[in-house]
């Protein structure tokens, strides 16, 4: 688990660094088809940040089971359908 969280922090920092580079760095001079590469790098940065959250807080198969859920149902409000 410690290795997974360390990897998550490294991926998070790399994603943030890539995002800052795309926003404030060299790609401002890119024109034409290179703008698509800039867009792809921005999406990659967001993907890396999302992946780091998945690495840090992995979901377990037990999270999807709602069979033994004993919490009460939420109260209905005035905008809920009857």
PDB file of N, CA and C in Angstrom:
ATOM      1  N   UNK A   1       0.827  -1.190   0.000  1.00  0.00           N
ATOM      2  CA  UNK A   1       0.000   0.000   0.000  1.00  0.00           C
ATOM      3  C   UNK A   1       0.874   1.257   0.000  1.00  0.00           C
ATOM      4  N   UNK A   2       2.002   1.201   0.687  1.00  0.00           N
ATOM      5  CA  UNK A   2       2.885   2.369   0.722  1.00  0.00           C
ATOM      6  C   UNK A   2       3.484   2.637  -0.649  1.00  0.00           C
ATOM      7  N   UNK A   3       3.815   1.573  -1.378  1.00  0.00           N
ATOM      8  CA  UNK A   3       4.356   1.735  -2.728  1.00  0.00           C
ATOM      9  C   UNK A   3       3.305   2.341  -3.652  1.00  0.00           C
ATOM     10  N   UNK A   4       2.081   1.907  -3.505  1.00  0.00           N
ATOM     11  CA  UNK A   4       0.998   2.428  -4.340  1.00  0.00           C
ATOM     12  C   UNK A   4       0.762   3.920  -4.065  1.00  0.00           C
ATOM     13  N   UNK A   5       0.805   4.314  -2.808  1.00  0.00           N
ATOM     14  CA  UNK A   5       0.607   5.730  -2.471  1.00  0.00           C
ATOM     15  C   UNK A   5       1.785   6.576  -2.898  1.00  0.00           C
ATOM     16  N   UNK A   6       2.988   6.032  -2.822  1.00  0.00           N
ATOM     17  CA  UNK A   6       4.160   6.753  -3.312  1.00  0.00           C
ATOM     18  C   UNK A   6       4.055   6.968  -4.814  1.00  0.00           C
ATOM     19  N   UNK A   7       3.635   5.938  -5.537  1.00  0.00           N
ATOM     20  CA  UNK A   7       3.434   6.067  -6.976  1.00  0.00           C
ATOM     21  C   UNK A   7       2.349   7.095  -7.274  1.00  0.00           C
ATOM     22  N   UNK A   8       1.311   7.137  -6.451  1.00  0.00           N
ATOM     23  CA  UNK A   8       0.234   8.106  -6.652  1.00  0.00           C
ATOM     24  C   UNK A   8       0.738   9.529  -6.502  1.00  0.00           C
ATOM     25  N   UNK A   9       1.580   9.762  -5.510  1.00  0.00           N
ATOM     26  CA  UNK A   9       2.121  11.109  -5.306  1.00  0.00           C
ATOM     27  C   UNK A   9       3.033  11.496  -6.469  1.00  0.00           C
ATOM     28  N   UNK A  10       3.836  10.542  -6.951  1.00  0.00           N
ATOM     29  CA  UNK A  10       4.725  10.833  -8.080  1.00  0.00           C
ATOM     30  C   UNK A  10       3.924  11.146  -9.333  1.00  0.00           C
ATOM     31  N   UNK A  11       2.881  10.363  -9.609  1.00  0.00           N
ATOM     32  CA  UNK A  11       2.039  10.604 -10.786  1.00  0.00           C
ATOM     33  C   UNK A  11       1.305  11.934 -10.644  1.00  0.00           C
ATOM     34  N   UNK A  12       0.855  12.257  -9.437  1.00  0.00           N
ATOM     35  CA  UNK A  12       0.167  13.523  -9.202  1.00  0.00           C
ATOM     36  C   UNK A  12       1.086  14.704  -9.476  1.00  0.00           C
ATOM     37  N   UNK A  13       2.297  14.646  -8.939  1.00  0.00           N
ATOM     38  CA  UNK A  13       3.238  15.749  -9.153  1.00  0.00           C
ATOM     39  C   UNK A  13       3.638  15.872 -10.627  1.00  0.00           C
ATOM     40  N   UNK A  14       3.798  14.739 -11.308  1.00  0.00           N
ATOM     41  CA  UNK A  14       4.123  14.777 -12.730  1.00  0.00           C
ATOM     42  C   UNK A  14       2.962  15.356 -13.536  1.00  0.00           C
ATOM     43  N   UNK A  15       1.734  15.012 -13.180  1.00  0.00           N
ATOM     44  CA  UNK A  15       0.569  15.567 -13.868  1.00  0.00           C
ATOM     45  C   UNK A  15       0.423  17.059 -13.649  1.00  0.00           C
ATOM     46  N   UNK A  16       0.673  17.505 -12.432  1.00  0.00           N
ATOM     47  CA  UNK A  16       0.609  18.940 -12.137  1.00  0.00           C
ATOM     48  C   UNK A  16       1.714  19.682 -12.878  1.00  0.00           C
ATOM     49  N   UNK A  17       2.919  19.103 -12.903  1.00  0.00           N
ATOM     50  CA  UNK A  17       4.034  19.737 -13.616  1.00  0.00           C
ATOM     51  C   UNK A  17       3.740  19.833 -15.106  1.00  0.00           C
ATOM     52  N   UNK A  18       3.179  18.767 -15.683  1.00  0.00           N
ATOM     53  CA  UNK A  18       2.814  18.806 -17.104  1.00  0.00           C
ATOM     54  C   UNK A  18       1.737  19.850 -17.362  1.00  0.00           C
ATOM     55  N   UNK A  19       0.763  19.936 -16.469  1.00  0.00           N
ATOM     56  CA  UNK A  19      -0.290  20.933 -16.615  1.00  0.00           C
ATOM     57  C   UNK A  19       0.252  22.353 -16.551  1.00  0.00           C
ATOM     58  N   UNK A  20       1.146  22.615 -15.602  1.00  0.00           N
ATOM     59  CA  UNK A  20       1.747  23.945 -15.525  1.00  0.00           C
ATOM     60  C   UNK A  20       2.576  24.259 -16.762  1.00  0.00           C
ATOM     61  N   UNK A  21       3.284  23.248 -17.282  1.00  0.00           N
ATOM     62  CA  UNK A  21       4.088  23.480 -18.476  1.00  0.00           C
ATOM     63  C   UNK A  21       3.210  23.786 -19.684  1.00  0.00           C
ATOM     64  N   UNK A  22       2.077  23.075 -19.788  1.00  0.00           N
ATOM     65  CA  UNK A  22       1.170  23.326 -20.913  1.00  0.00           C
ATOM     66  C   UNK A  22       0.564  24.723 -20.799  1.00  0.00           C
ATOM     67  N   UNK A  23       0.224  25.152 -19.592  1.00  0.00           N
ATOM     68  CA  UNK A  23      -0.423  26.453 -19.415  1.00  0.00           C
ATOM     69  C   UNK A  23       0.572  27.601 -19.502  1.00  0.00           C
ATOM     70  N   UNK A  24       1.707  27.471 -18.839  1.00  0.00           N
ATOM     71  CA  UNK A  24       2.622  28.598 -18.732  1.00  0.00           C
ATOM     72  C   UNK A  24       3.895  28.452 -19.562  1.00  0.00           C
ATOM     73  N   UNK A  25       4.119  27.301 -20.168  1.00  0.00           N
ATOM     74  CA  UNK A  25       5.403  27.038 -20.803  1.00  0.00           C
ATOM     75  C   UNK A  25       5.432  27.223 -22.301  1.00  0.00           C
ATOM     76  N   UNK A  26       6.253  26.438 -22.926  1.00  0.00           N
ATOM     77  CA  UNK A  26       6.593  26.547 -24.337  1.00  0.00           C
ATOM     78  C   UNK A  26       5.418  26.400 -25.317  1.00  0.00           C
ATOM     79  N   UNK A  27       4.377  25.632 -25.049  1.00  0.00           N
ATOM     80  CA  UNK A  27       3.349  25.407 -26.069  1.00  0.00           C
ATOM     81  C   UNK A  27       2.599  26.658 -26.532  1.00  0.00           C
ATOM     82  N   UNK A  28       2.855  27.824 -25.963  1.00  0.00           N
ATOM     83  CA  UNK A  28       2.174  29.031 -26.435  1.00  0.00           C
ATOM     84  C   UNK A  28       2.576  29.373 -27.861  1.00  0.00           C
ATOM     85  N   UNK A  29       3.753  28.926 -28.292  1.00  0.00           N
ATOM     86  CA  UNK A  29       4.224  29.206 -29.637  1.00  0.00           C
ATOM     87  C   UNK A  29       3.730  28.188 -30.655  1.00  0.00           C
ATOM     88  N   UNK A  30       3.060  27.146 -30.210  1.00  0.00           N
ATOM     89  CA  UNK A  30       2.635  26.088 -31.111  1.00  0.00           C
ATOM     90  C   UNK A  30       1.389  26.542 -31.868  1.00  0.00           C
ATOM     91  N   UNK A  31       1.396  26.399 -33.185  1.00  0.00           N
ATOM     92  CA  UNK A  31       0.266  26.773 -34.029  1.00  0.00           C
ATOM     93  C   UNK A  31      -0.064  25.614 -34.956  1.00  0.00           C
ATOM     94  N   UNK A  32      -1.218  25.683 -35.573  1.00  0.00           N
ATOM     95  CA  UNK A  32      -1.615  24.659 -36.535  1.00  0.00           C
ATOM     96  C   UNK A  32      -1.900  23.329 -35.864  1.00  0.00           C
ATOM     97  N   UNK A  33      -1.340  22.274 -36.444  1.00  0.00           N
ATOM     98  CA  UNK A  33      -1.557  20.928 -35.942  1.00  0.00           C
ATOM     99  C   UNK A  33      -0.955  20.698 -34.571  1.00  0.00           C
ATOM    100  N   UNK A  34       0.025  21.502 -34.203  1.00  0.00           N
ATOM    101  CA  UNK A  34       0.651  21.344 -32.884  1.00  0.00           C
ATOM    102  C   UNK A  34      -0.301  21.746 -31.758  1.00  0.00           C
ATOM    103  N   UNK A  35      -1.329  22.508 -32.099  1.00  0.00           N
ATOM    104  CA  UNK A  35      -2.319  22.864 -31.074  1.00  0.00           C
ATOM    105  C   UNK A  35      -3.072  21.632 -30.606  1.00  0.00           C
ATOM    106  N   UNK A  36      -3.260  20.657 -31.507  1.00  0.00           N
ATOM    107  CA  UNK A  36      -3.895  19.403 -31.095  1.00  0.00           C
ATOM    108  C   UNK A  36      -3.010  18.644 -30.113  1.00  0.00           C
ATOM    109  N   UNK A  37      -1.696  18.712 -30.325  1.00  0.00           N
ATOM    110  CA  UNK A  37      -0.778  18.090 -29.378  1.00  0.00           C
ATOM    111  C   UNK A  37      -0.849  18.793 -28.026  1.00  0.00           C
ATOM    112  N   UNK A  38      -0.981  20.106 -28.038  1.00  0.00           N
ATOM    113  CA  UNK A  38      -1.121  20.857 -26.788  1.00  0.00           C
ATOM    114  C   UNK A  38      -2.394  20.431 -26.059  1.00  0.00           C
ATOM    115  N   UNK A  39      -3.470  20.267 -26.809  1.00  0.00           N
ATOM    116  CA  UNK A  39      -4.734  19.820 -26.224  1.00  0.00           C
ATOM    117  C   UNK A  39      -4.587  18.409 -25.654  1.00  0.00           C
ATOM    118  N   UNK A  40      -3.903  17.525 -26.393  1.00  0.00           N
ATOM    119  CA  UNK A  40      -3.696  16.155 -25.925  1.00  0.00           C
ATOM    120  C   UNK A  40      -2.835  16.133 -24.660  1.00  0.00           C
ATOM    121  N   UNK A  41      -1.830  16.998 -24.600  1.00  0.00           N
ATOM    122  CA  UNK A  41      -1.005  17.065 -23.393  1.00  0.00           C
ATOM    123  C   UNK A  41      -1.815  17.566 -22.200  1.00  0.00           C
ATOM    124  N   UNK A  42      -2.731  18.498 -22.435  1.00  0.00           N
ATOM    125  CA  UNK A  42      -3.599  18.968 -21.361  1.00  0.00           C
ATOM    126  C   UNK A  42      -4.508  17.863 -20.853  1.00  0.00           C
ATOM    127  N   UNK A  43      -5.069  17.075 -21.776  1.00  0.00           N
ATOM    128  CA  UNK A  43      -5.908  15.955 -21.359  1.00  0.00           C
ATOM    129  C   UNK A  43      -5.088  14.878 -20.646  1.00  0.00           C
ATOM    130  N   UNK A  44      -3.864  14.675 -21.098  1.00  0.00           N
ATOM    131  CA  UNK A  44      -2.985  13.719 -20.434  1.00  0.00           C
ATOM    132  C   UNK A  44      -2.692  14.159 -19.004  1.00  0.00           C
ATOM    133  N   UNK A  45      -2.501  15.453 -18.816  1.00  0.00           N
ATOM    134  CA  UNK A  45      -2.269  15.984 -17.479  1.00  0.00           C
ATOM    135  C   UNK A  45      -3.465  15.702 -16.571  1.00  0.00           C
ATOM    136  N   UNK A  46      -4.657  15.946 -17.072  1.00  0.00           N
ATOM    137  CA  UNK A  46      -5.855  15.658 -16.271  1.00  0.00           C
ATOM    138  C   UNK A  46      -6.000  14.167 -16.006  1.00  0.00           C
ATOM    139  N   UNK A  47      -5.664  13.348 -16.992  1.00  0.00           N
ATOM    140  CA  UNK A  47      -5.715  11.901 -16.811  1.00  0.00           C
ATOM    141  C   UNK A  47      -4.729  11.413 -15.764  1.00  0.00           C
ATOM    142  N   UNK A  48      -3.543  12.023 -15.738  1.00  0.00           N
ATOM    143  CA  UNK A  48      -2.550  11.641 -14.733  1.00  0.00           C
ATOM    144  C   UNK A  48      -3.015  12.005 -13.330  1.00  0.00           C
ATOM    145  N   UNK A  49      -3.636  13.155 -13.198  1.00  0.00           N
ATOM    146  CA  UNK A  49      -4.139  13.569 -11.883  1.00  0.00           C
ATOM    147  C   UNK A  49      -5.273  12.647 -11.442  1.00  0.00           C
ATOM    148  N   UNK A  50      -6.145  12.269 -12.370  1.00  0.00           N
ATOM    149  CA  UNK A  50      -7.227  11.337 -12.056  1.00  0.00           C
ATOM    150  C   UNK A  50      -6.672   9.965 -11.690  1.00  0.00           C
ATOM    151  N   UNK A  51      -5.661   9.517 -12.433  1.00  0.00           N
ATOM    152  CA  UNK A  51      -5.055   8.215 -12.142  1.00  0.00           C
ATOM    153  C   UNK A  51      -4.388   8.214 -10.774  1.00  0.00           C
ATOM    154  N   UNK A  52      -3.813   9.336 -10.388  1.00  0.00           N
ATOM    155  CA  UNK A  52      -3.180   9.382  -9.073  1.00  0.00           C
ATOM    156  C   UNK A  52      -4.224   9.270  -7.966  1.00  0.00           C
ATOM    157  N   UNK A  53      -5.392   9.851  -8.173  1.00  0.00           N
ATOM    158  CA  UNK A  53      -6.462   9.703  -7.180  1.00  0.00           C
ATOM    159  C   UNK A  53      -6.921   8.254  -7.106  1.00  0.00           C
ATOM    160  N   UNK A  54      -6.962   7.565  -8.259  1.00  0.00           N
ATOM    161  CA  UNK A  54      -7.349   6.155  -8.270  1.00  0.00           C
ATOM    162  C   UNK A  54      -6.296   5.308  -7.571  1.00  0.00           C
ATOM    163  N   UNK A  55      -5.022   5.664  -7.771  1.00  0.00           N
ATOM    164  CA  UNK A  55      -3.956   4.924  -7.101  1.00  0.00           C
ATOM    165  C   UNK A  55      -3.974   5.165  -5.587  1.00  0.00           C
ATOM    166  N   UNK A  56      -4.260   6.385  -5.193  1.00  0.00           N
ATOM    167  CA  UNK A  56      -4.242   6.724  -3.773  1.00  0.00           C
ATOM    168  C   UNK A  56      -5.422   6.087  -3.027  1.00  0.00           C
ATOM    169  N   UNK A  57      -6.594   6.120  -3.630  1.00  0.00           N
ATOM    170  CA  UNK A  57      -7.811   5.609  -2.984  1.00  0.00           C
ATOM    171  C   UNK A  57      -8.465   4.567  -3.886  1.00  0.00           C
ATOM    172  N   UNK A  58      -7.929   3.354  -3.929  1.00  0.00           N
ATOM    173  CA  UNK A  58      -8.505   2.337  -4.818  1.00  0.00           C
ATOM    174  C   UNK A  58      -9.855   1.853  -4.297  1.00  0.00           C
ATOM    175  N   UNK A  59     -10.741   1.562  -5.200  1.00  0.00           N
ATOM    176  CA  UNK A  59     -12.023   0.998  -4.814  1.00  0.00           C
ATOM    177  C   UNK A  59     -11.873  -0.505  -4.626  1.00  0.00           C
ATOM    178  N   UNK A  60     -12.602  -1.053  -3.702  1.00  0.00           N
ATOM    179  CA  UNK A  60     -12.549  -2.492  -3.477  1.00  0.00           C
ATOM    180  C   UNK A  60     -13.834  -3.123  -4.013  1.00  0.00           C
ATOM    181  N   UNK A  61     -13.819  -4.401  -4.292  1.00  0.00           N
ATOM    182  CA  UNK A  61     -15.049  -5.056  -4.775  1.00  0.00           C
ATOM    183  C   UNK A  61     -16.172  -4.996  -3.758  1.00  0.00           C
ATOM    184  N   UNK A  62     -15.856  -4.853  -2.484  1.00  0.00           N
ATOM    185  CA  UNK A  62     -16.893  -4.801  -1.447  1.00  0.00           C
ATOM    186  C   UNK A  62     -17.639  -3.475  -1.452  1.00  0.00           C
ATOM    187  N   UNK A  63     -17.085  -2.446  -2.109  1.00  0.00           N
ATOM    188  CA  UNK A  63     -17.742  -1.142  -2.125  1.00  0.00           C
ATOM    189  C   UNK A  63     -19.039  -1.154  -2.924  1.00  0.00           C
ATOM    190  N   UNK A  64     -19.166  -2.080  -3.873  1.00  0.00           N
ATOM    191  CA  UNK A  64     -20.338  -2.104  -4.745  1.00  0.00           C
ATOM    192  C   UNK A  64     -21.504  -2.888  -4.166  1.00  0.00           C
ATOM    193  N   UNK A  65     -21.277  -3.645  -3.110  1.00  0.00           N
ATOM    194  CA  UNK A  65     -22.353  -4.431  -2.518  1.00  0.00           C
ATOM    195  C   UNK A  65     -23.231  -3.556  -1.644  1.00  0.00           C
ATOM    196  N   UNK A  66     -24.502  -3.468  -2.009  1.00  0.00           N
ATOM    197  CA  UNK A  66     -25.457  -2.708  -1.206  1.00  0.00           C
ATOM    198  C   UNK A  66     -26.442  -3.626  -0.498  1.00  0.00           C
ATOM    199  N   UNK A  67     -26.149  -4.940  -0.495  1.00  0.00           N
ATOM    200  CA  UNK A  67     -27.080  -5.899   0.105  1.00  0.00           C
ATOM    201  C   UNK A  67     -27.185  -5.735   1.613  1.00  0.00           C
ATOM    202  N   UNK A  68     -26.077  -5.474   2.269  1.00  0.00           N
ATOM    203  CA  UNK A  68     -26.104  -5.371   3.719  1.00  0.00           C
ATOM    204  C   UNK A  68     -26.068  -3.920   4.182  1.00  0.00           C
ATOM    205  N   UNK A  69     -26.647  -3.042   3.390  1.00  0.00           N
ATOM    206  CA  UNK A  69     -26.708  -1.617   3.733  1.00  0.00           C
ATOM    207  C   UNK A  69     -27.828  -1.409   4.737  1.00  0.00           C
ATOM    208  N   UNK A  70     -27.488  -0.957   5.926  1.00  0.00           N
ATOM    209  CA  UNK A  70     -28.502  -0.779   6.968  1.00  0.00           C
ATOM    210  C   UNK A  70     -28.826   0.700   7.192  1.00  0.00           C
ATOM    211  N   UNK A  71     -28.271   1.570   6.338  1.00  0.00           N
ATOM    212  CA  UNK A  71     -28.560   2.989   6.513  1.00  0.00           C
ATOM    213  C   UNK A  71     -29.988   3.283   6.057  1.00  0.00           C
ATOM    214  N   UNK A  72     -30.662   4.205   6.729  1.00  0.00           N
ATOM    215  CA  UNK A  72     -32.038   4.522   6.345  1.00  0.00           C
ATOM    216  C   UNK A  72     -32.066   5.261   5.011  1.00  0.00           C
ATOM    217  N   UNK A  73     -33.197   5.145   4.344  1.00  0.00           N
ATOM    218  CA  UNK A  73     -33.360   5.846   3.077  1.00  0.00           C
ATOM    219  C   UNK A  73     -33.439   7.348   3.329  1.00  0.00           C
ATOM    220  N   UNK A  74     -32.948   8.152   2.392  1.00  0.00           N
ATOM    221  CA  UNK A  74     -32.983   9.598   2.616  1.00  0.00           C
ATOM    222  C   UNK A  74     -34.434  10.101   2.608  1.00  0.00           C
ATOM    223  N   UNK A  75     -34.644  11.191   3.327  1.00  0.00           N
ATOM    224  CA  UNK A  75     -35.976  11.769   3.389  1.00  0.00           C
ATOM    225  C   UNK A  75     -36.333  12.371   2.044  1.00  0.00           C
ATOM    226  N   UNK A  76     -37.592  12.351   1.699  1.00  0.00           N
ATOM    227  CA  UNK A  76     -38.032  12.957   0.460  1.00  0.00           C
ATOM    228  C   UNK A  76     -38.286  14.438   0.686  1.00  0.00           C
ATOM    229  N   UNK A  77     -38.022  15.202  -0.340  1.00  0.00           N
ATOM    230  CA  UNK A  77     -38.222  16.641  -0.257  1.00  0.00           C
ATOM    231  C   UNK A  77     -39.428  17.068  -1.053  1.00  0.00           C
ATOM    232  N   UNK A  78     -39.711  18.377  -1.070  1.00  0.00           N
ATOM    233  CA  UNK A  78     -40.903  18.868  -1.760  1.00  0.00           C
ATOM    234  C   UNK A  78     -40.799  18.729  -3.278  1.00  0.00           C
ATOM    235  N   UNK A  79     -39.598  18.582  -3.825  1.00  0.00           N
ATOM    236  CA  UNK A  79     -39.440  18.465  -5.282  1.00  0.00           C
ATOM    237  C   UNK A  79     -39.380  17.019  -5.748  1.00  0.00           C
ATOM    238  N   UNK A  80     -39.401  16.061  -4.833  1.00  0.00           N
ATOM    239  CA  UNK A  80     -39.372  14.654  -5.221  1.00  0.00           C
ATOM    240  C   UNK A  80     -40.745  14.229  -5.731  1.00  0.00           C
ATOM    241  N   UNK A  81     -40.731  13.323  -6.718  1.00  0.00           N
ATOM    242  CA  UNK A  81     -41.991  12.826  -7.274  1.00  0.00           C
ATOM    243  C   UNK A  81     -42.633  11.877  -6.278  1.00  0.00           C
ATOM    244  N   UNK A  82     -43.935  11.886  -6.247  1.00  0.00           N
ATOM    245  CA  UNK A  82     -44.650  11.006  -5.323  1.00  0.00           C
ATOM    246  C   UNK A  82     -44.797   9.655  -5.864  1.00  0.00           C
TER     247      UNK A  82
END
